């Protein structure tokens, strides 16, 4: 919000971490993390954002000022009456990878080991477990880090909840890293819905030690790699 002073953050609350914004293209309203600015001295400033109100009119669609972009190339298949267009894929698959070699899960530590091996198989390098735990990490969970990666592994028999998924996503967003979650017992329905909406890959571990993606971001990560 232009002209409004930034506010120093002295005490965090969960509601203050989110702000409702409207998409400039379609007018749909959704929640995003409240923008913040950090200083090396430790001070964190909350950047004011103009709140969305019902009276605010959605943006109008403007016609393009320049020439329309060229359509994507299409493949065609012959038929008795002519040809039918088939859209070409928009992304190239990742380089050919050898099959993943799973680790049989017998203990909670095996779950973490299998997740670390799987992340390396996806293309992440130098996957390690940091010595210091981030404050928002649930007690039973284990964190794995790599350049550009923040992963959370839950080896318990309880499904991962919504708060754990949201905290992981916010931490990854703050660190400009890809956030990934592994769970032995799956996820609660609200957690899966939130992860799908924000693009956070979710994986479920089986006792054979082979992680399986359970949402669209997870399947895309497997298809295209790190």
C-alpha atoms as a PDB file:
ATOM      1  CA  UNK A   1       0.000   0.000   0.000  1.00  0.00           C
ATOM      2  CA  UNK A   2       1.704   3.197  -1.194  1.00  0.00           C
ATOM      3  CA  UNK A   3       2.451   5.742   1.537  1.00  0.00           C
ATOM      4  CA  UNK A   4       1.683   3.426   4.452  1.00  0.00           C
ATOM      5  CA  UNK A   5       4.540   2.851   6.925  1.00  0.00           C
ATOM      6  CA  UNK A   6       5.954  -0.643   7.432  1.00  0.00           C
ATOM      7  CA  UNK A   7       5.267  -2.152  10.857  1.00  0.00           C
ATOM      8  CA  UNK A   8       7.930  -3.931  12.933  1.00  0.00           C
ATOM      9  CA  UNK A   9       6.863  -7.469  13.954  1.00  0.00           C
ATOM     10  CA  UNK A  10       7.289  -8.052  17.672  1.00  0.00           C
ATOM     11  CA  UNK A  11       4.752 -10.846  18.163  1.00  0.00           C
ATOM     12  CA  UNK A  12       3.479 -13.252  15.514  1.00  0.00           C
ATOM     13  CA  UNK A  13      -0.053 -14.560  15.270  1.00  0.00           C
ATOM     14  CA  UNK A  14      -1.364 -17.129  12.823  1.00  0.00           C
ATOM     15  CA  UNK A  15      -4.025 -14.797  11.368  1.00  0.00           C
ATOM     16  CA  UNK A  16      -1.465 -12.061  10.701  1.00  0.00           C
ATOM     17  CA  UNK A  17       0.584 -14.430   8.528  1.00  0.00           C
ATOM     18  CA  UNK A  18      -2.068 -14.418   5.756  1.00  0.00           C
ATOM     19  CA  UNK A  19      -3.619 -11.722   3.586  1.00  0.00           C
ATOM     20  CA  UNK A  20      -6.507 -11.952   1.112  1.00  0.00           C
ATOM     21  CA  UNK A  21      -5.638 -10.778  -2.397  1.00  0.00           C
ATOM     22  CA  UNK A  22      -7.471 -10.716  -5.724  1.00  0.00           C
ATOM     23  CA  UNK A  23      -5.987 -12.122  -8.925  1.00  0.00           C
ATOM     24  CA  UNK A  24      -5.424  -9.345 -11.458  1.00  0.00           C
ATOM     25  CA  UNK A  25      -6.359 -11.652 -14.341  1.00  0.00           C
ATOM     26  CA  UNK A  26      -9.551 -13.424 -13.224  1.00  0.00           C
ATOM     27  CA  UNK A  27     -10.627 -11.529 -10.091  1.00  0.00           C
ATOM     28  CA  UNK A  28     -10.639 -14.631  -7.880  1.00  0.00           C
ATOM     29  CA  UNK A  29      -9.834 -14.030  -4.201  1.00  0.00           C
ATOM     30  CA  UNK A  30      -7.459 -16.282  -2.273  1.00  0.00           C
ATOM     31  CA  UNK A  31      -5.057 -16.150   0.672  1.00  0.00           C
ATOM     32  CA  UNK A  32      -1.306 -15.613   0.396  1.00  0.00           C
ATOM     33  CA  UNK A  33       1.456 -15.077   2.958  1.00  0.00           C
ATOM     34  CA  UNK A  34       1.706 -11.534   4.311  1.00  0.00           C
ATOM     35  CA  UNK A  35       4.788  -9.950   2.655  1.00  0.00           C
ATOM     36  CA  UNK A  36       7.654  -9.232   5.017  1.00  0.00           C
ATOM     37  CA  UNK A  37      11.093  -7.639   4.848  1.00  0.00           C
ATOM     38  CA  UNK A  38      13.924  -8.964   6.996  1.00  0.00           C
ATOM     39  CA  UNK A  39      17.060  -7.106   8.084  1.00  0.00           C
ATOM     40  CA  UNK A  40      20.426  -8.720   9.004  1.00  0.00           C
ATOM     41  CA  UNK A  41      20.076  -7.090  12.442  1.00  0.00           C
ATOM     42  CA  UNK A  42      17.109  -9.333  13.170  1.00  0.00           C
ATOM     43  CA  UNK A  43      14.302  -6.810  12.687  1.00  0.00           C
ATOM     44  CA  UNK A  44      11.363  -7.985  10.564  1.00  0.00           C
ATOM     45  CA  UNK A  45       8.993  -5.464   8.975  1.00  0.00           C
ATOM     46  CA  UNK A  46       5.470  -6.295   7.779  1.00  0.00           C
ATOM     47  CA  UNK A  47       4.715  -4.555   4.467  1.00  0.00           C
ATOM     48  CA  UNK A  48       1.158  -3.065   4.441  1.00  0.00           C
ATOM     49  CA  UNK A  49      -1.230  -4.463   1.832  1.00  0.00           C
ATOM     50  CA  UNK A  50      -4.499  -2.818   0.812  1.00  0.00           C
ATOM     51  CA  UNK A  51      -7.307  -5.144   2.007  1.00  0.00           C
ATOM     52  CA  UNK A  52      -9.711  -6.614  -0.500  1.00  0.00           C
ATOM     53  CA  UNK A  53     -13.291  -5.347  -0.011  1.00  0.00           C
ATOM     54  CA  UNK A  54     -16.541  -6.332  -1.621  1.00  0.00           C
ATOM     55  CA  UNK A  55     -16.851  -2.848  -3.101  1.00  0.00           C
ATOM     56  CA  UNK A  56     -13.651  -3.230  -5.073  1.00  0.00           C
ATOM     57  CA  UNK A  57     -14.570  -4.008  -8.652  1.00  0.00           C
ATOM     58  CA  UNK A  58     -12.763  -6.850 -10.370  1.00  0.00           C
ATOM     59  CA  UNK A  59     -10.284  -5.846 -13.045  1.00  0.00           C
ATOM     60  CA  UNK A  60     -11.480  -5.479 -16.614  1.00  0.00           C
ATOM     61  CA  UNK A  61     -10.035  -7.599 -19.342  1.00  0.00           C
ATOM     62  CA  UNK A  62      -7.994  -5.508 -21.742  1.00  0.00           C
ATOM     63  CA  UNK A  63      -7.531  -6.485 -25.365  1.00  0.00           C
ATOM     64  CA  UNK A  64      -3.917  -7.237 -26.304  1.00  0.00           C
ATOM     65  CA  UNK A  65      -2.087  -4.242 -27.695  1.00  0.00           C
ATOM     66  CA  UNK A  66       0.295  -6.218 -29.867  1.00  0.00           C
ATOM     67  CA  UNK A  67      -0.052  -9.124 -32.283  1.00  0.00           C
ATOM     68  CA  UNK A  68      -1.473 -12.317 -30.859  1.00  0.00           C
ATOM     69  CA  UNK A  69       1.153 -14.921 -29.937  1.00  0.00           C
ATOM     70  CA  UNK A  70       1.661 -17.783 -32.326  1.00  0.00           C
ATOM     71  CA  UNK A  71      -0.273 -20.917 -31.348  1.00  0.00           C
ATOM     72  CA  UNK A  72       1.634 -23.843 -29.902  1.00  0.00           C
ATOM     73  CA  UNK A  73       2.645 -26.464 -32.467  1.00  0.00           C
ATOM     74  CA  UNK A  74       0.166 -29.279 -32.839  1.00  0.00           C
ATOM     75  CA  UNK A  75       0.541 -32.800 -34.010  1.00  0.00           C
ATOM     76  CA  UNK A  76      -2.134 -34.278 -36.265  1.00  0.00           C
ATOM     77  CA  UNK A  77      -3.522 -37.758 -36.658  1.00  0.00           C
ATOM     78  CA  UNK A  78      -5.143 -38.915 -39.834  1.00  0.00           C
ATOM     79  CA  UNK A  79      -8.781 -40.023 -39.919  1.00  0.00           C
ATOM     80  CA  UNK A  80     -11.331 -41.017 -42.502  1.00  0.00           C
ATOM     81  CA  UNK A  81     -12.644 -37.448 -42.797  1.00  0.00           C
ATOM     82  CA  UNK A  82      -9.364 -35.532 -42.391  1.00  0.00           C
ATOM     83  CA  UNK A  83      -7.119 -34.788 -39.448  1.00  0.00           C
ATOM     84  CA  UNK A  84      -7.744 -34.156 -35.759  1.00  0.00           C
ATOM     85  CA  UNK A  85      -5.354 -31.869 -33.815  1.00  0.00           C
ATOM     86  CA  UNK A  86      -3.478 -33.272 -30.842  1.00  0.00           C
ATOM     87  CA  UNK A  87      -1.804 -30.695 -28.589  1.00  0.00           C
ATOM     88  CA  UNK A  88       1.934 -31.150 -28.115  1.00  0.00           C
ATOM     89  CA  UNK A  89       3.165 -31.491 -24.520  1.00  0.00           C
ATOM     90  CA  UNK A  90       4.133 -28.189 -22.883  1.00  0.00           C
ATOM     91  CA  UNK A  91       7.045 -29.556 -20.850  1.00  0.00           C
ATOM     92  CA  UNK A  92       9.849 -31.938 -21.623  1.00  0.00           C
ATOM     93  CA  UNK A  93      10.273 -34.950 -19.332  1.00  0.00           C
ATOM     94  CA  UNK A  94      13.357 -35.214 -17.146  1.00  0.00           C
ATOM     95  CA  UNK A  95      16.405 -37.062 -18.338  1.00  0.00           C
ATOM     96  CA  UNK A  96      16.137 -40.826 -18.188  1.00  0.00           C
ATOM     97  CA  UNK A  97      16.722 -42.032 -14.640  1.00  0.00           C
ATOM     98  CA  UNK A  98      17.477 -45.574 -13.503  1.00  0.00           C
ATOM     99  CA  UNK A  99      14.736 -47.259 -11.448  1.00  0.00           C
ATOM    100  CA  UNK A 100      14.664 -46.180  -7.816  1.00  0.00           C
ATOM    101  CA  UNK A 101      16.195 -48.735  -5.447  1.00  0.00           C
ATOM    102  CA  UNK A 102      13.942 -48.700  -2.334  1.00  0.00           C
ATOM    103  CA  UNK A 103      14.966 -49.375   1.263  1.00  0.00           C
ATOM    104  CA  UNK A 104      12.745 -51.704   3.293  1.00  0.00           C
ATOM    105  CA  UNK A 105      11.153 -49.776   6.164  1.00  0.00           C
ATOM    106  CA  UNK A 106      11.429 -51.388   9.595  1.00  0.00           C
ATOM    107  CA  UNK A 107      12.092 -48.357  11.799  1.00  0.00           C
ATOM    108  CA  UNK A 108      11.393 -44.624  11.781  1.00  0.00           C
ATOM    109  CA  UNK A 109      14.990 -44.040  10.734  1.00  0.00           C
ATOM    110  CA  UNK A 110      14.415 -46.196   7.646  1.00  0.00           C
ATOM    111  CA  UNK A 111      11.639 -43.804   6.603  1.00  0.00           C
ATOM    112  CA  UNK A 112      14.046 -40.857   6.707  1.00  0.00           C
ATOM    113  CA  UNK A 113      16.736 -42.813   4.855  1.00  0.00           C
ATOM    114  CA  UNK A 114      14.306 -43.832   2.109  1.00  0.00           C
ATOM    115  CA  UNK A 115      13.129 -40.232   1.689  1.00  0.00           C
ATOM    116  CA  UNK A 116      16.713 -38.938   1.449  1.00  0.00           C
ATOM    117  CA  UNK A 117      17.610 -41.548  -1.174  1.00  0.00           C
ATOM    118  CA  UNK A 118      14.464 -40.725  -3.128  1.00  0.00           C
ATOM    119  CA  UNK A 119      15.257 -36.997  -3.136  1.00  0.00           C
ATOM    120  CA  UNK A 120      18.740 -37.763  -4.491  1.00  0.00           C
ATOM    121  CA  UNK A 121      17.127 -39.957  -7.129  1.00  0.00           C
ATOM    122  CA  UNK A 122      14.920 -37.005  -8.127  1.00  0.00           C
ATOM    123  CA  UNK A 123      18.045 -34.921  -8.714  1.00  0.00           C
ATOM    124  CA  UNK A 124      18.601 -33.004  -5.473  1.00  0.00           C
ATOM    125  CA  UNK A 125      22.249 -32.928  -4.405  1.00  0.00           C
ATOM    126  CA  UNK A 126      23.863 -32.940  -0.961  1.00  0.00           C
ATOM    127  CA  UNK A 127      20.719 -34.006   0.904  1.00  0.00           C
ATOM    128  CA  UNK A 128      21.435 -33.829   4.649  1.00  0.00           C
ATOM    129  CA  UNK A 129      19.624 -33.614   7.980  1.00  0.00           C
ATOM    130  CA  UNK A 130      20.382 -30.232   9.634  1.00  0.00           C
ATOM    131  CA  UNK A 131      21.484 -30.185  13.244  1.00  0.00           C
ATOM    132  CA  UNK A 132      19.072 -27.411  14.242  1.00  0.00           C
ATOM    133  CA  UNK A 133      15.325 -27.967  13.934  1.00  0.00           C
ATOM    134  CA  UNK A 134      13.153 -25.162  12.616  1.00  0.00           C
ATOM    135  CA  UNK A 135      10.636 -23.986  15.249  1.00  0.00           C
ATOM    136  CA  UNK A 136       7.549 -24.884  13.179  1.00  0.00           C
ATOM    137  CA  UNK A 137       8.667 -28.507  12.605  1.00  0.00           C
ATOM    138  CA  UNK A 138       6.324 -30.963  14.391  1.00  0.00           C
ATOM    139  CA  UNK A 139       8.058 -32.950  17.122  1.00  0.00           C
ATOM    140  CA  UNK A 140       8.020 -36.415  15.466  1.00  0.00           C
ATOM    141  CA  UNK A 141       8.960 -35.127  12.011  1.00  0.00           C
ATOM    142  CA  UNK A 142      12.477 -34.928  10.577  1.00  0.00           C
ATOM    143  CA  UNK A 143      13.784 -32.235   8.250  1.00  0.00           C
ATOM    144  CA  UNK A 144      15.996 -32.834   5.217  1.00  0.00           C
ATOM    145  CA  UNK A 145      17.750 -29.996   3.412  1.00  0.00           C
ATOM    146  CA  UNK A 146      19.631 -29.533   0.165  1.00  0.00           C
ATOM    147  CA  UNK A 147      20.426 -26.538  -2.049  1.00  0.00           C
ATOM    148  CA  UNK A 148      17.014 -25.262  -3.122  1.00  0.00           C
ATOM    149  CA  UNK A 149      15.151 -27.924  -1.111  1.00  0.00           C
ATOM    150  CA  UNK A 150      13.309 -28.136   2.211  1.00  0.00           C
ATOM    151  CA  UNK A 151      11.773 -31.547   2.900  1.00  0.00           C
ATOM    152  CA  UNK A 152       9.772 -32.818   5.852  1.00  0.00           C
ATOM    153  CA  UNK A 153       9.511 -36.520   6.716  1.00  0.00           C
ATOM    154  CA  UNK A 154       6.838 -37.773   9.139  1.00  0.00           C
ATOM    155  CA  UNK A 155       7.583 -41.378  10.198  1.00  0.00           C
ATOM    156  CA  UNK A 156       4.621 -41.683  12.572  1.00  0.00           C
ATOM    157  CA  UNK A 157       1.355 -43.584  12.058  1.00  0.00           C
ATOM    158  CA  UNK A 158      -0.759 -40.418  12.171  1.00  0.00           C
ATOM    159  CA  UNK A 159      -1.787 -38.579   8.988  1.00  0.00           C
ATOM    160  CA  UNK A 160      -0.128 -35.201   8.425  1.00  0.00           C
ATOM    161  CA  UNK A 161      -2.469 -32.310   9.205  1.00  0.00           C
ATOM    162  CA  UNK A 162      -3.213 -28.982   7.583  1.00  0.00           C
ATOM    163  CA  UNK A 163      -1.026 -26.861   9.901  1.00  0.00           C
ATOM    164  CA  UNK A 164       2.072 -28.959   9.189  1.00  0.00           C
ATOM    165  CA  UNK A 165       1.584 -28.575   5.432  1.00  0.00           C
ATOM    166  CA  UNK A 166       0.979 -24.823   5.648  1.00  0.00           C
ATOM    167  CA  UNK A 167       4.022 -24.260   7.876  1.00  0.00           C
ATOM    168  CA  UNK A 168       6.251 -26.272   5.538  1.00  0.00           C
ATOM    169  CA  UNK A 169       5.009 -24.347   2.524  1.00  0.00           C
ATOM    170  CA  UNK A 170       5.579 -20.976   4.235  1.00  0.00           C
ATOM    171  CA  UNK A 171       9.074 -21.982   5.338  1.00  0.00           C
ATOM    172  CA  UNK A 172       9.962 -23.089   1.805  1.00  0.00           C
ATOM    173  CA  UNK A 173       8.541 -19.878   0.372  1.00  0.00           C
ATOM    174  CA  UNK A 174      10.564 -17.802   2.829  1.00  0.00           C
ATOM    175  CA  UNK A 175      13.759 -19.695   1.990  1.00  0.00           C
ATOM    176  CA  UNK A 176      13.085 -19.628  -1.786  1.00  0.00           C
ATOM    177  CA  UNK A 177      13.270 -23.439  -1.747  1.00  0.00           C
ATOM    178  CA  UNK A 178      11.162 -26.283  -3.070  1.00  0.00           C
ATOM    179  CA  UNK A 179       9.156 -27.723  -0.177  1.00  0.00           C
ATOM    180  CA  UNK A 180       8.392 -31.465  -0.243  1.00  0.00           C
ATOM    181  CA  UNK A 181       6.563 -33.609   2.315  1.00  0.00           C
ATOM    182  CA  UNK A 182       6.832 -37.370   2.988  1.00  0.00           C
ATOM    183  CA  UNK A 183       4.458 -39.273   5.262  1.00  0.00           C
ATOM    184  CA  UNK A 184       4.158 -42.887   6.317  1.00  0.00           C
ATOM    185  CA  UNK A 185       0.452 -42.594   7.213  1.00  0.00           C
ATOM    186  CA  UNK A 186      -0.798 -40.223   4.509  1.00  0.00           C
ATOM    187  CA  UNK A 187      -2.496 -36.850   4.882  1.00  0.00           C
ATOM    188  CA  UNK A 188      -5.727 -35.414   6.188  1.00  0.00           C
ATOM    189  CA  UNK A 189      -8.136 -34.199   3.495  1.00  0.00           C
ATOM    190  CA  UNK A 190      -7.667 -30.448   4.261  1.00  0.00           C
ATOM    191  CA  UNK A 191      -3.893 -30.888   4.139  1.00  0.00           C
ATOM    192  CA  UNK A 192      -4.061 -32.545   0.719  1.00  0.00           C
ATOM    193  CA  UNK A 193      -6.375 -29.834  -0.593  1.00  0.00           C
ATOM    194  CA  UNK A 194      -4.077 -27.044   0.642  1.00  0.00           C
ATOM    195  CA  UNK A 195      -0.972 -28.716  -0.810  1.00  0.00           C
ATOM    196  CA  UNK A 196      -2.720 -29.111  -4.160  1.00  0.00           C
ATOM    197  CA  UNK A 197      -3.678 -25.449  -4.157  1.00  0.00           C
ATOM    198  CA  UNK A 198      -0.226 -24.071  -3.310  1.00  0.00           C
ATOM    199  CA  UNK A 199       1.755 -26.576  -5.397  1.00  0.00           C
ATOM    200  CA  UNK A 200       3.460 -28.505  -2.583  1.00  0.00           C
ATOM    201  CA  UNK A 201       4.451 -32.079  -3.578  1.00  0.00           C
ATOM    202  CA  UNK A 202       3.164 -34.803  -1.233  1.00  0.00           C
ATOM    203  CA  UNK A 203       4.495 -38.348  -1.066  1.00  0.00           C
ATOM    204  CA  UNK A 204       3.354 -41.412   0.871  1.00  0.00           C
ATOM    205  CA  UNK A 205       5.846 -44.071   1.957  1.00  0.00           C
ATOM    206  CA  UNK A 206       5.015 -47.759   1.829  1.00  0.00           C
ATOM    207  CA  UNK A 207       6.777 -50.427   3.865  1.00  0.00           C
ATOM    208  CA  UNK A 208       8.817 -51.415   0.821  1.00  0.00           C
ATOM    209  CA  UNK A 209      10.445 -47.969   0.967  1.00  0.00           C
ATOM    210  CA  UNK A 210       9.151 -46.673  -2.376  1.00  0.00           C
ATOM    211  CA  UNK A 211       7.581 -43.182  -2.067  1.00  0.00           C
ATOM    212  CA  UNK A 212       4.464 -42.589  -4.151  1.00  0.00           C
ATOM    213  CA  UNK A 213       3.175 -39.122  -5.170  1.00  0.00           C
ATOM    214  CA  UNK A 214      -0.396 -38.444  -4.018  1.00  0.00           C
ATOM    215  CA  UNK A 215      -1.075 -35.078  -5.677  1.00  0.00           C
ATOM    216  CA  UNK A 216      -0.421 -33.258  -8.933  1.00  0.00           C
ATOM    217  CA  UNK A 217       2.702 -31.332  -7.771  1.00  0.00           C
ATOM    218  CA  UNK A 218       4.227 -34.621  -6.588  1.00  0.00           C
ATOM    219  CA  UNK A 219       3.585 -36.337  -9.914  1.00  0.00           C
ATOM    220  CA  UNK A 220       5.064 -33.359 -11.773  1.00  0.00           C
ATOM    221  CA  UNK A 221       8.193 -33.487  -9.609  1.00  0.00           C
ATOM    222  CA  UNK A 222       8.627 -37.183 -10.412  1.00  0.00           C
ATOM    223  CA  UNK A 223       8.045 -36.567 -14.125  1.00  0.00           C
ATOM    224  CA  UNK A 224      10.456 -33.660 -14.519  1.00  0.00           C
ATOM    225  CA  UNK A 225      12.908 -34.105 -11.634  1.00  0.00           C
ATOM    226  CA  UNK A 226      14.633 -31.439  -9.574  1.00  0.00           C
END
